[in-house]
Amino acid sequence: MGSRTINKAFASDGALGSVIPGFQPRQPQLDMANAVDQAIEHQTQLVVEAGTGTGKTFAYLVPALLSGKKTIISTGSKNLQEQLFHRDLPLMVEALGFHGQVSLLKGRSNYLCLDRLSRQMVESHTTETQTDLLSQLVKVRSWSSETKSGDLGECDAIAEDSPIIPTITSTNDNCLGKECPSYEDCFVLKARRRALDSDVVVVNHHLFMADLALKRPDLASLFPKQTYSSSTKRTRSQTLPVNTLVSPYRVAKFRICAKTSR
């Protein structure tokens, strides 16, 4: 890619300036962007620490999107994951004219299970269910016919800590897999398929580490193969098939491979 392309993107009249009113180049941001670019090009690991206001998110998004390689971005929380996917990433996609596919992937407990919802609706009419909980179930059932993602975080009808959520989502233990009557419409399955087909996937640390630990075959081609030491600041890593950007708060860790996986 080269520093010239990166420098041009971060110039006052460059790609970022075209979508961010009043954008002004910042040397620390440019230094970080070039460091990420070099790490991608030379297949090396990079750890960056920068203070608030540096512009870390754009500093790693720009070289990642320009690399032309599949990229996984992991954030420290679901809130940061949502912010990155719905606000920062679309802005950079527009600025750079990126035409690849991007997707958001969460753990299965965030997605509505159609089979368990159906069962809960039946049980709610045969048992003494609290009126407010029954009302929430009815609202979720109505929402289920409209949603494309099945992400309960997008359902305004229920609170994030609603007691009905565990009853209408699945776990590894109670998921029926291919035996489920709603298997082809499964939101978890659809989300994973989208992630596997995407050029940029935004996840969170909990999902990222859990899937690495479980080594599930359905996501084997998405997450990199690597071994972590006991320290969160030191990592022993094998060759990765993707750009992996792990971005917790002020410290951004980049485990990057320049191999083209698609």
C-alpha atoms as a PDB file:
ATOM      1  CA  MET A   1       0.000   0.000   0.000  1.00  0.00           C
ATOM      2  CA  GLY A   2       2.752   2.444   1.008  1.00  0.00           C
ATOM      3  CA  SER A   3       2.892   5.492   3.248  1.00  0.00           C
ATOM      4  CA  ARG A   4       1.996   7.794   0.360  1.00  0.00           C
ATOM      5  CA  THR A   5      -1.525   6.348   0.162  1.00  0.00           C
ATOM      6  CA  ILE A   6      -1.953   6.567   3.935  1.00  0.00           C
ATOM      7  CA  ASN A   7      -0.621  10.121   4.076  1.00  0.00           C
ATOM      8  CA  LYS A   8      -2.990  11.155   1.293  1.00  0.00           C
ATOM      9  CA  ALA A   9      -6.000   9.694   3.106  1.00  0.00           C
ATOM     10  CA  PHE A  10      -5.179  11.657   6.261  1.00  0.00           C
ATOM     11  CA  ALA A  11      -4.387  14.933   4.503  1.00  0.00           C
ATOM     12  CA  SER A  12      -6.726  17.858   5.152  1.00  0.00           C
ATOM     13  CA  ASP A  13      -8.085  17.503   1.615  1.00  0.00           C
ATOM     14  CA  GLY A  14      -7.955  13.704   1.654  1.00  0.00           C
ATOM     15  CA  ALA A  15     -10.508  10.940   2.188  1.00  0.00           C
ATOM     16  CA  LEU A  16     -11.197  11.719   5.849  1.00  0.00           C
ATOM     17  CA  GLY A  17     -11.519  15.421   5.165  1.00  0.00           C
ATOM     18  CA  SER A  18     -14.218  14.692   2.599  1.00  0.00           C
ATOM     19  CA  VAL A  19     -16.566  13.163   5.198  1.00  0.00           C
ATOM     20  CA  ILE A  20     -15.497  14.803   8.471  1.00  0.00           C
ATOM     21  CA  PRO A  21     -16.256  18.546   8.619  1.00  0.00           C
ATOM     22  CA  GLY A  22     -13.285  20.512   9.912  1.00  0.00           C
ATOM     23  CA  PHE A  23     -10.930  17.533   9.837  1.00  0.00           C
ATOM     24  CA  GLN A  24      -7.340  18.451  10.620  1.00  0.00           C
ATOM     25  CA  PRO A  25      -4.348  16.106  10.212  1.00  0.00           C
ATOM     26  CA  ARG A  26      -2.821  14.931  13.495  1.00  0.00           C
ATOM     27  CA  GLN A  27       0.719  13.609  13.497  1.00  0.00           C
ATOM     28  CA  PRO A  28       0.153  10.934  16.199  1.00  0.00           C
ATOM     29  CA  GLN A  29      -2.822   9.595  14.214  1.00  0.00           C
ATOM     30  CA  LEU A  30      -0.807   9.552  11.001  1.00  0.00           C
ATOM     31  CA  ASP A  31       2.117   7.841  12.752  1.00  0.00           C
ATOM     32  CA  MET A  32      -0.193   5.136  14.061  1.00  0.00           C
ATOM     33  CA  ALA A  33      -1.838   4.622  10.677  1.00  0.00           C
ATOM     34  CA  ASN A  34       1.545   4.195   8.997  1.00  0.00           C
ATOM     35  CA  ALA A  35       2.655   1.786  11.721  1.00  0.00           C
ATOM     36  CA  VAL A  36      -0.450  -0.351  11.168  1.00  0.00           C
ATOM     37  CA  ASP A  37       0.114  -0.208   7.418  1.00  0.00           C
ATOM     38  CA  GLN A  38       3.694  -1.420   7.854  1.00  0.00           C
ATOM     39  CA  ALA A  39       2.601  -4.204  10.194  1.00  0.00           C
ATOM     40  CA  ILE A  40       0.133  -5.435   7.582  1.00  0.00           C
ATOM     41  CA  GLU A  41       2.690  -5.240   4.805  1.00  0.00           C
ATOM     42  CA  HIS A  42       5.446  -7.016   6.734  1.00  0.00           C
ATOM     43  CA  GLN A  43       3.218  -9.519   8.571  1.00  0.00           C
ATOM     44  CA  THR A  44       4.299  -8.383  12.010  1.00  0.00           C
ATOM     45  CA  GLN A  45       2.553  -7.771  15.327  1.00  0.00           C
ATOM     46  CA  LEU A  46       1.990  -4.275  16.602  1.00  0.00           C
ATOM     47  CA  VAL A  47       0.967  -2.859  19.973  1.00  0.00           C
ATOM     48  CA  VAL A  48      -0.041   0.805  20.030  1.00  0.00           C
ATOM     49  CA  GLU A  49      -0.785   2.963  23.061  1.00  0.00           C
ATOM     50  CA  ALA A  50      -2.186   6.413  22.466  1.00  0.00           C
ATOM     51  CA  GLY A  51      -4.108   8.924  24.513  1.00  0.00           C
ATOM     52  CA  THR A  52      -7.664  10.134  24.120  1.00  0.00           C
ATOM     53  CA  GLY A  53      -8.126  12.308  21.059  1.00  0.00           C
ATOM     54  CA  THR A  54      -5.477  10.633  18.930  1.00  0.00           C
ATOM     55  CA  GLY A  55      -8.034   9.144  16.582  1.00  0.00           C
ATOM     56  CA  LYS A  56      -7.024   5.505  17.045  1.00  0.00           C
ATOM     57  CA  THR A  57     -10.129   4.045  15.427  1.00  0.00           C
ATOM     58  CA  PHE A  58      -9.624   5.778  12.092  1.00  0.00           C
ATOM     59  CA  ALA A  59      -5.879   5.160  12.339  1.00  0.00           C
ATOM     60  CA  TYR A  60      -6.377   1.406  12.175  1.00  0.00           C
ATOM     61  CA  LEU A  61      -9.535   1.327  10.035  1.00  0.00           C
ATOM     62  CA  VAL A  62      -8.014   3.176   7.095  1.00  0.00           C
ATOM     63  CA  PRO A  63      -4.993   0.878   6.523  1.00  0.00           C
ATOM     64  CA  ALA A  64      -7.125  -2.185   7.246  1.00  0.00           C
ATOM     65  CA  LEU A  65      -9.753  -1.252   4.664  1.00  0.00           C
ATOM     66  CA  LEU A  66      -7.120  -0.276   2.115  1.00  0.00           C
ATOM     67  CA  SER A  67      -5.210  -3.545   2.595  1.00  0.00           C
ATOM     68  CA  GLY A  68      -7.668  -5.572   0.517  1.00  0.00           C
ATOM     69  CA  LYS A  69      -7.501  -8.417   3.035  1.00  0.00           C
ATOM     70  CA  LYS A  70     -10.081  -9.970   5.303  1.00  0.00           C
ATOM     71  CA  THR A  71     -10.062  -8.204   8.657  1.00  0.00           C
ATOM     72  CA  ILE A  72     -11.434  -9.061  12.086  1.00  0.00           C
ATOM     73  CA  ILE A  73     -11.832  -6.167  14.507  1.00  0.00           C
ATOM     74  CA  SER A  74     -12.419  -7.052  18.160  1.00  0.00           C
ATOM     75  CA  THR A  75     -13.603  -4.456  20.684  1.00  0.00           C
ATOM     76  CA  GLY A  76     -13.584  -4.408  24.484  1.00  0.00           C
ATOM     77  CA  SER A  77     -17.367  -4.372  24.880  1.00  0.00           C
ATOM     78  CA  LYS A  78     -20.622  -4.757  22.987  1.00  0.00           C
ATOM     79  CA  ASN A  79     -21.264  -1.020  23.275  1.00  0.00           C
ATOM     80  CA  LEU A  80     -17.955  -0.246  21.576  1.00  0.00           C
ATOM     81  CA  GLN A  81     -18.715  -2.938  19.016  1.00  0.00           C
ATOM     82  CA  GLU A  82     -22.040  -1.283  18.177  1.00  0.00           C
ATOM     83  CA  GLN A  83     -20.439   2.161  18.009  1.00  0.00           C
ATOM     84  CA  LEU A  84     -17.706   0.966  15.679  1.00  0.00           C
ATOM     85  CA  PHE A  85     -20.049  -0.914  13.356  1.00  0.00           C
ATOM     86  CA  HIS A  86     -22.870   1.609  13.168  1.00  0.00           C
ATOM     87  CA  ARG A  87     -20.925   4.895  13.321  1.00  0.00           C
ATOM     88  CA  ASP A  88     -17.167   4.775  12.691  1.00  0.00           C
ATOM     89  CA  LEU A  89     -16.943   1.957  10.144  1.00  0.00           C
ATOM     90  CA  PRO A  90     -19.674   3.296   7.800  1.00  0.00           C
ATOM     91  CA  LEU A  91     -17.948   6.680   7.825  1.00  0.00           C
ATOM     92  CA  MET A  92     -14.641   5.174   6.723  1.00  0.00           C
ATOM     93  CA  VAL A  93     -16.375   2.944   4.164  1.00  0.00           C
ATOM     94  CA  GLU A  94     -17.868   6.081   2.624  1.00  0.00           C
ATOM     95  CA  ALA A  95     -14.638   8.063   2.812  1.00  0.00           C
ATOM     96  CA  LEU A  96     -12.516   5.387   1.144  1.00  0.00           C
ATOM     97  CA  GLY A  97     -15.125   4.137  -1.302  1.00  0.00           C
ATOM     98  CA  PHE A  98     -14.774   0.656   0.181  1.00  0.00           C
ATOM     99  CA  HIS A  99     -16.902  -1.885  -1.701  1.00  0.00           C
ATOM    100  CA  GLY A 100     -16.285  -4.969   0.424  1.00  0.00           C
ATOM    101  CA  GLN A 101     -18.858  -6.600   2.689  1.00  0.00           C
ATOM    102  CA  VAL A 102     -18.875  -5.746   6.400  1.00  0.00           C
ATOM    103  CA  SER A 103     -20.720  -7.576   9.162  1.00  0.00           C
ATOM    104  CA  LEU A 104     -21.356  -7.554  12.896  1.00  0.00           C
ATOM    105  CA  LEU A 105     -21.033 -10.816  14.816  1.00  0.00           C
ATOM    106  CA  LYS A 106     -22.061 -11.354  18.445  1.00  0.00           C
ATOM    107  CA  GLY A 107     -22.384 -14.384  20.686  1.00  0.00           C
ATOM    108  CA  ARG A 108     -25.447 -16.602  20.290  1.00  0.00           C
ATOM    109  CA  SER A 109     -27.085 -15.255  23.460  1.00  0.00           C
ATOM    110  CA  ASN A 110     -27.678 -11.985  21.606  1.00  0.00           C
ATOM    111  CA  TYR A 111     -29.812 -13.547  18.894  1.00  0.00           C
ATOM    112  CA  LEU A 112     -33.463 -14.527  19.031  1.00  0.00           C
ATOM    113  CA  CYS A 113     -34.109 -18.275  18.807  1.00  0.00           C
ATOM    114  CA  LEU A 114     -37.322 -18.735  16.824  1.00  0.00           C
ATOM    115  CA  ASP A 115     -37.916 -22.243  18.139  1.00  0.00           C
ATOM    116  CA  ARG A 116     -37.565 -21.246  21.791  1.00  0.00           C
ATOM    117  CA  LEU A 117     -39.775 -18.198  21.211  1.00  0.00           C
ATOM    118  CA  SER A 118     -42.456 -20.438  19.738  1.00  0.00           C
ATOM    119  CA  ARG A 119     -42.238 -22.766  22.720  1.00  0.00           C
ATOM    120  CA  GLN A 120     -42.447 -19.877  25.158  1.00  0.00           C
ATOM    121  CA  MET A 121     -45.549 -18.563  23.452  1.00  0.00           C
ATOM    122  CA  VAL A 122     -47.215 -21.950  23.855  1.00  0.00           C
ATOM    123  CA  GLU A 123     -46.125 -22.316  27.480  1.00  0.00           C
ATOM    124  CA  SER A 124     -47.283 -18.804  28.329  1.00  0.00           C
ATOM    125  CA  HIS A 125     -50.852 -19.824  27.531  1.00  0.00           C
ATOM    126  CA  THR A 126     -50.705 -23.007  29.568  1.00  0.00           C
ATOM    127  CA  THR A 127     -48.971 -21.661  32.667  1.00  0.00           C
ATOM    128  CA  GLU A 128     -49.405 -18.643  34.916  1.00  0.00           C
ATOM    129  CA  THR A 129     -47.168 -16.145  33.151  1.00  0.00           C
ATOM    130  CA  GLN A 130     -46.837 -12.604  34.439  1.00  0.00           C
ATOM    131  CA  THR A 131     -48.787 -10.148  32.329  1.00  0.00           C
ATOM    132  CA  ASP A 132     -45.790  -7.924  31.616  1.00  0.00           C
ATOM    133  CA  LEU A 133     -43.669 -10.880  30.518  1.00  0.00           C
ATOM    134  CA  LEU A 134     -46.428 -12.159  28.258  1.00  0.00           C
ATOM    135  CA  SER A 135     -46.699  -8.686  26.753  1.00  0.00           C
ATOM    136  CA  GLN A 136     -42.973  -8.683  26.023  1.00  0.00           C
ATOM    137  CA  LEU A 137     -43.197 -12.076  24.349  1.00  0.00           C
ATOM    138  CA  VAL A 138     -45.991 -10.861  22.103  1.00  0.00           C
ATOM    139  CA  LYS A 139     -43.969  -7.790  21.133  1.00  0.00           C
ATOM    140  CA  VAL A 140     -40.891  -9.888  20.383  1.00  0.00           C
ATOM    141  CA  ARG A 141     -42.959 -12.257  18.231  1.00  0.00           C
ATOM    142  CA  SER A 142     -44.219  -9.270  16.239  1.00  0.00           C
ATOM    143  CA  TRP A 143     -40.667  -7.934  15.912  1.00  0.00           C
ATOM    144  CA  SER A 144     -39.383 -11.342  14.800  1.00  0.00           C
ATOM    145  CA  SER A 145     -41.349 -11.096  11.558  1.00  0.00           C
ATOM    146  CA  GLU A 146     -39.670  -7.782  10.714  1.00  0.00           C
ATOM    147  CA  THR A 147     -36.051  -8.200  11.794  1.00  0.00           C
ATOM    148  CA  LYS A 148     -33.369  -9.376   9.412  1.00  0.00           C
ATOM    149  CA  SER A 149     -30.630  -9.852  11.984  1.00  0.00           C
ATOM    150  CA  GLY A 150     -32.514 -11.269  14.963  1.00  0.00           C
ATOM    151  CA  ASP A 151     -30.204  -9.235  17.207  1.00  0.00           C
ATOM    152  CA  LEU A 152     -32.227  -8.562  20.362  1.00  0.00           C
ATOM    153  CA  GLY A 153     -30.177  -5.430  20.945  1.00  0.00           C
ATOM    154  CA  GLU A 154     -32.167  -3.924  18.081  1.00  0.00           C
ATOM    155  CA  CYS A 155     -35.521  -4.815  19.654  1.00  0.00           C
ATOM    156  CA  ASP A 156     -36.880  -1.764  21.463  1.00  0.00           C
ATOM    157  CA  ALA A 157     -39.733  -3.789  22.967  1.00  0.00           C
ATOM    158  CA  ILE A 158     -37.566  -5.333  25.691  1.00  0.00           C
ATOM    159  CA  ALA A 159     -34.868  -4.091  28.031  1.00  0.00           C
ATOM    160  CA  GLU A 160     -31.299  -5.369  27.818  1.00  0.00           C
ATOM    161  CA  ASP A 161     -31.759  -7.169  31.143  1.00  0.00           C
ATOM    162  CA  SER A 162     -35.262  -8.483  30.491  1.00  0.00           C
ATOM    163  CA  PRO A 163     -35.886 -11.849  32.247  1.00  0.00           C
ATOM    164  CA  ILE A 164     -37.420 -13.284  29.068  1.00  0.00           C
ATOM    165  CA  ILE A 165     -34.153 -13.089  27.109  1.00  0.00           C
ATOM    166  CA  PRO A 166     -32.674 -16.362  28.449  1.00  0.00           C
ATOM    167  CA  THR A 167     -35.938 -18.106  27.542  1.00  0.00           C
ATOM    168  CA  ILE A 168     -35.942 -16.974  23.905  1.00  0.00           C
ATOM    169  CA  THR A 169     -32.233 -17.345  23.124  1.00  0.00           C
ATOM    170  CA  SER A 170     -30.176 -20.508  22.816  1.00  0.00           C
ATOM    171  CA  THR A 171     -27.006 -21.884  24.351  1.00  0.00           C
ATOM    172  CA  ASN A 172     -24.546 -24.480  23.108  1.00  0.00           C
ATOM    173  CA  ASP A 173     -26.253 -26.980  25.403  1.00  0.00           C
ATOM    174  CA  ASN A 174     -29.892 -26.481  24.390  1.00  0.00           C
ATOM    175  CA  CYS A 175     -29.417 -25.640  20.703  1.00  0.00           C
ATOM    176  CA  LEU A 176     -30.985 -28.375  18.570  1.00  0.00           C
ATOM    177  CA  GLY A 177     -28.697 -27.731  15.612  1.00  0.00           C
ATOM    178  CA  LYS A 178     -29.890 -29.266  12.362  1.00  0.00           C
ATOM    179  CA  GLU A 179     -32.707 -31.004  14.240  1.00  0.00           C
ATOM    180  CA  CYS A 180     -34.309 -27.626  14.967  1.00  0.00           C
ATOM    181  CA  PRO A 181     -37.478 -26.990  12.948  1.00  0.00           C
ATOM    182  CA  SER A 182     -36.311 -23.384  12.453  1.00  0.00           C
ATOM    183  CA  TYR A 183     -32.751 -24.323  11.476  1.00  0.00           C
ATOM    184  CA  GLU A 184     -32.769 -22.679   8.034  1.00  0.00           C
ATOM    185  CA  ASP A 185     -34.169 -19.462   9.528  1.00  0.00           C
ATOM    186  CA  CYS A 186     -31.755 -19.478  12.486  1.00  0.00           C
ATOM    187  CA  PHE A 187     -30.418 -15.984  13.135  1.00  0.00           C
ATOM    188  CA  VAL A 188     -27.183 -17.295  14.687  1.00  0.00           C
ATOM    189  CA  LEU A 189     -26.511 -19.407  11.611  1.00  0.00           C
ATOM    190  CA  LYS A 190     -27.249 -16.491   9.288  1.00  0.00           C
ATOM    191  CA  ALA A 191     -24.970 -14.155  11.258  1.00  0.00           C
ATOM    192  CA  ARG A 192     -22.106 -16.644  11.083  1.00  0.00           C
ATOM    193  CA  ARG A 193     -22.601 -17.196   7.379  1.00  0.00           C
ATOM    194  CA  ARG A 194     -22.512 -13.449   6.787  1.00  0.00           C
ATOM    195  CA  ALA A 195     -19.314 -13.189   8.818  1.00  0.00           C
ATOM    196  CA  LEU A 196     -17.625 -15.948   6.847  1.00  0.00           C
ATOM    197  CA  ASP A 197     -18.517 -14.191   3.593  1.00  0.00           C
ATOM    198  CA  SER A 198     -17.497 -10.721   4.790  1.00  0.00           C
ATOM    199  CA  ASP A 199     -14.301  -8.783   4.194  1.00  0.00           C
ATOM    200  CA  VAL A 200     -14.532  -6.968   7.543  1.00  0.00           C
ATOM    201  CA  VAL A 201     -16.053  -8.556  10.658  1.00  0.00           C
ATOM    202  CA  VAL A 202     -16.595  -6.663  13.921  1.00  0.00           C
ATOM    203  CA  VAL A 203     -16.668  -8.854  17.042  1.00  0.00           C
ATOM    204  CA  ASN A 204     -16.042  -8.315  20.767  1.00  0.00           C
ATOM    205  CA  HIS A 205     -13.352  -9.802  22.984  1.00  0.00           C
ATOM    206  CA  HIS A 206     -15.715 -12.215  24.734  1.00  0.00           C
ATOM    207  CA  LEU A 207     -16.766 -13.854  21.472  1.00  0.00           C
ATOM    208  CA  PHE A 208     -13.281 -13.680  20.005  1.00  0.00           C
ATOM    209  CA  MET A 209     -11.600 -15.433  22.922  1.00  0.00           C
ATOM    210  CA  ALA A 210     -14.421 -17.920  23.470  1.00  0.00           C
ATOM    211  CA  ASP A 211     -14.314 -19.109  19.883  1.00  0.00           C
ATOM    212  CA  LEU A 212     -10.553 -19.379  19.923  1.00  0.00           C
ATOM    213  CA  ALA A 213     -10.784 -21.487  23.076  1.00  0.00           C
ATOM    214  CA  LEU A 214     -13.612 -23.710  21.821  1.00  0.00           C
ATOM    215  CA  LYS A 215     -12.126 -24.023  18.310  1.00  0.00           C
ATOM    216  CA  ARG A 216     -15.568 -24.558  16.823  1.00  0.00           C
ATOM    217  CA  PRO A 217     -15.349 -26.007  13.296  1.00  0.00           C
ATOM    218  CA  ASP A 218     -18.146 -23.762  11.981  1.00  0.00           C
ATOM    219  CA  LEU A 219     -16.011 -20.665  12.582  1.00  0.00           C
ATOM    220  CA  ALA A 220     -12.591 -22.224  12.058  1.00  0.00           C
ATOM    221  CA  SER A 221     -12.010 -20.340   8.825  1.00  0.00           C
ATOM    222  CA  LEU A 222     -13.033 -17.017  10.369  1.00  0.00           C
ATOM    223  CA  PHE A 223     -10.963 -16.762  13.529  1.00  0.00           C
ATOM    224  CA  PRO A 224      -7.161 -17.025  13.403  1.00  0.00           C
ATOM    225  CA  LYS A 225      -5.264 -19.956  14.798  1.00  0.00           C
ATOM    226  CA  GLN A 226      -3.076 -18.711  17.617  1.00  0.00           C
ATOM    227  CA  THR A 227      -1.942 -19.535  21.125  1.00  0.00           C
ATOM    228  CA  TYR A 228      -2.102 -17.018  23.976  1.00  0.00           C
ATOM    229  CA  SER A 229       0.252 -16.879  26.905  1.00  0.00           C
ATOM    230  CA  SER A 230      -1.119 -16.306  30.408  1.00  0.00           C
ATOM    231  CA  SER A 231      -0.339 -12.592  30.199  1.00  0.00           C
ATOM    232  CA  THR A 232      -2.803 -10.397  28.311  1.00  0.00           C
ATOM    233  CA  LYS A 233       0.087  -8.262  27.145  1.00  0.00           C
ATOM    234  CA  ARG A 234       2.156 -11.028  25.582  1.00  0.00           C
ATOM    235  CA  THR A 235       1.066 -13.290  22.768  1.00  0.00           C
ATOM    236  CA  ARG A 236       2.648 -16.205  20.961  1.00  0.00           C
ATOM    237  CA  SER A 237       1.083 -16.328  17.533  1.00  0.00           C
ATOM    238  CA  GLN A 238       1.147 -18.620  14.535  1.00  0.00           C
ATOM    239  CA  THR A 239       0.621 -17.321  11.008  1.00  0.00           C
ATOM    240  CA  LEU A 240      -2.801 -15.727  10.772  1.00  0.00           C
ATOM    241  CA  PRO A 241      -5.077 -15.973   7.726  1.00  0.00           C
ATOM    242  CA  VAL A 242      -6.563 -12.520   8.342  1.00  0.00           C
ATOM    243  CA  ASN A 243      -5.830  -9.059   9.686  1.00  0.00           C
ATOM    244  CA  THR A 244      -6.807  -9.214  13.347  1.00  0.00           C
ATOM    245  CA  LEU A 245      -7.273  -5.891  15.087  1.00  0.00           C
ATOM    246  CA  VAL A 246      -7.856  -6.133  18.826  1.00  0.00           C
ATOM    247  CA  SER A 247      -8.779  -2.712  20.131  1.00  0.00           C
ATOM    248  CA  PRO A 248      -9.342  -2.384  23.905  1.00  0.00           C
ATOM    249  CA  TYR A 249      -9.806   1.213  24.998  1.00  0.00           C
ATOM    250  CA  ARG A 250      -6.463   3.088  24.951  1.00  0.00           C
ATOM    251  CA  VAL A 251      -4.267   0.151  23.983  1.00  0.00           C
ATOM    252  CA  ALA A 252      -4.727  -1.229  20.490  1.00  0.00           C
ATOM    253  CA  LYS A 253      -3.138  -4.603  19.774  1.00  0.00           C
ATOM    254  CA  PHE A 254      -2.756  -5.678  16.174  1.00  0.00           C
ATOM    255  CA  ARG A 255      -2.007  -9.245  15.184  1.00  0.00           C
ATOM    256  CA  ILE A 256      -1.724  -8.991  11.453  1.00  0.00           C
ATOM    257  CA  CYS A 257      -0.924 -11.199   8.474  1.00  0.00           C
ATOM    258  CA  ALA A 258      -0.556  -9.895   4.953  1.00  0.00           C
ATOM    259  CA  LYS A 259      -1.751 -13.079   3.268  1.00  0.00           C
ATOM    260  CA  THR A 260      -4.791 -12.627   1.056  1.00  0.00           C
ATOM    261  CA  SER A 261      -7.446 -15.040   2.294  1.00  0.00           C
ATOM    262  CA  ARG A 262     -10.070 -14.397  -0.350  1.00  0.00           C
END
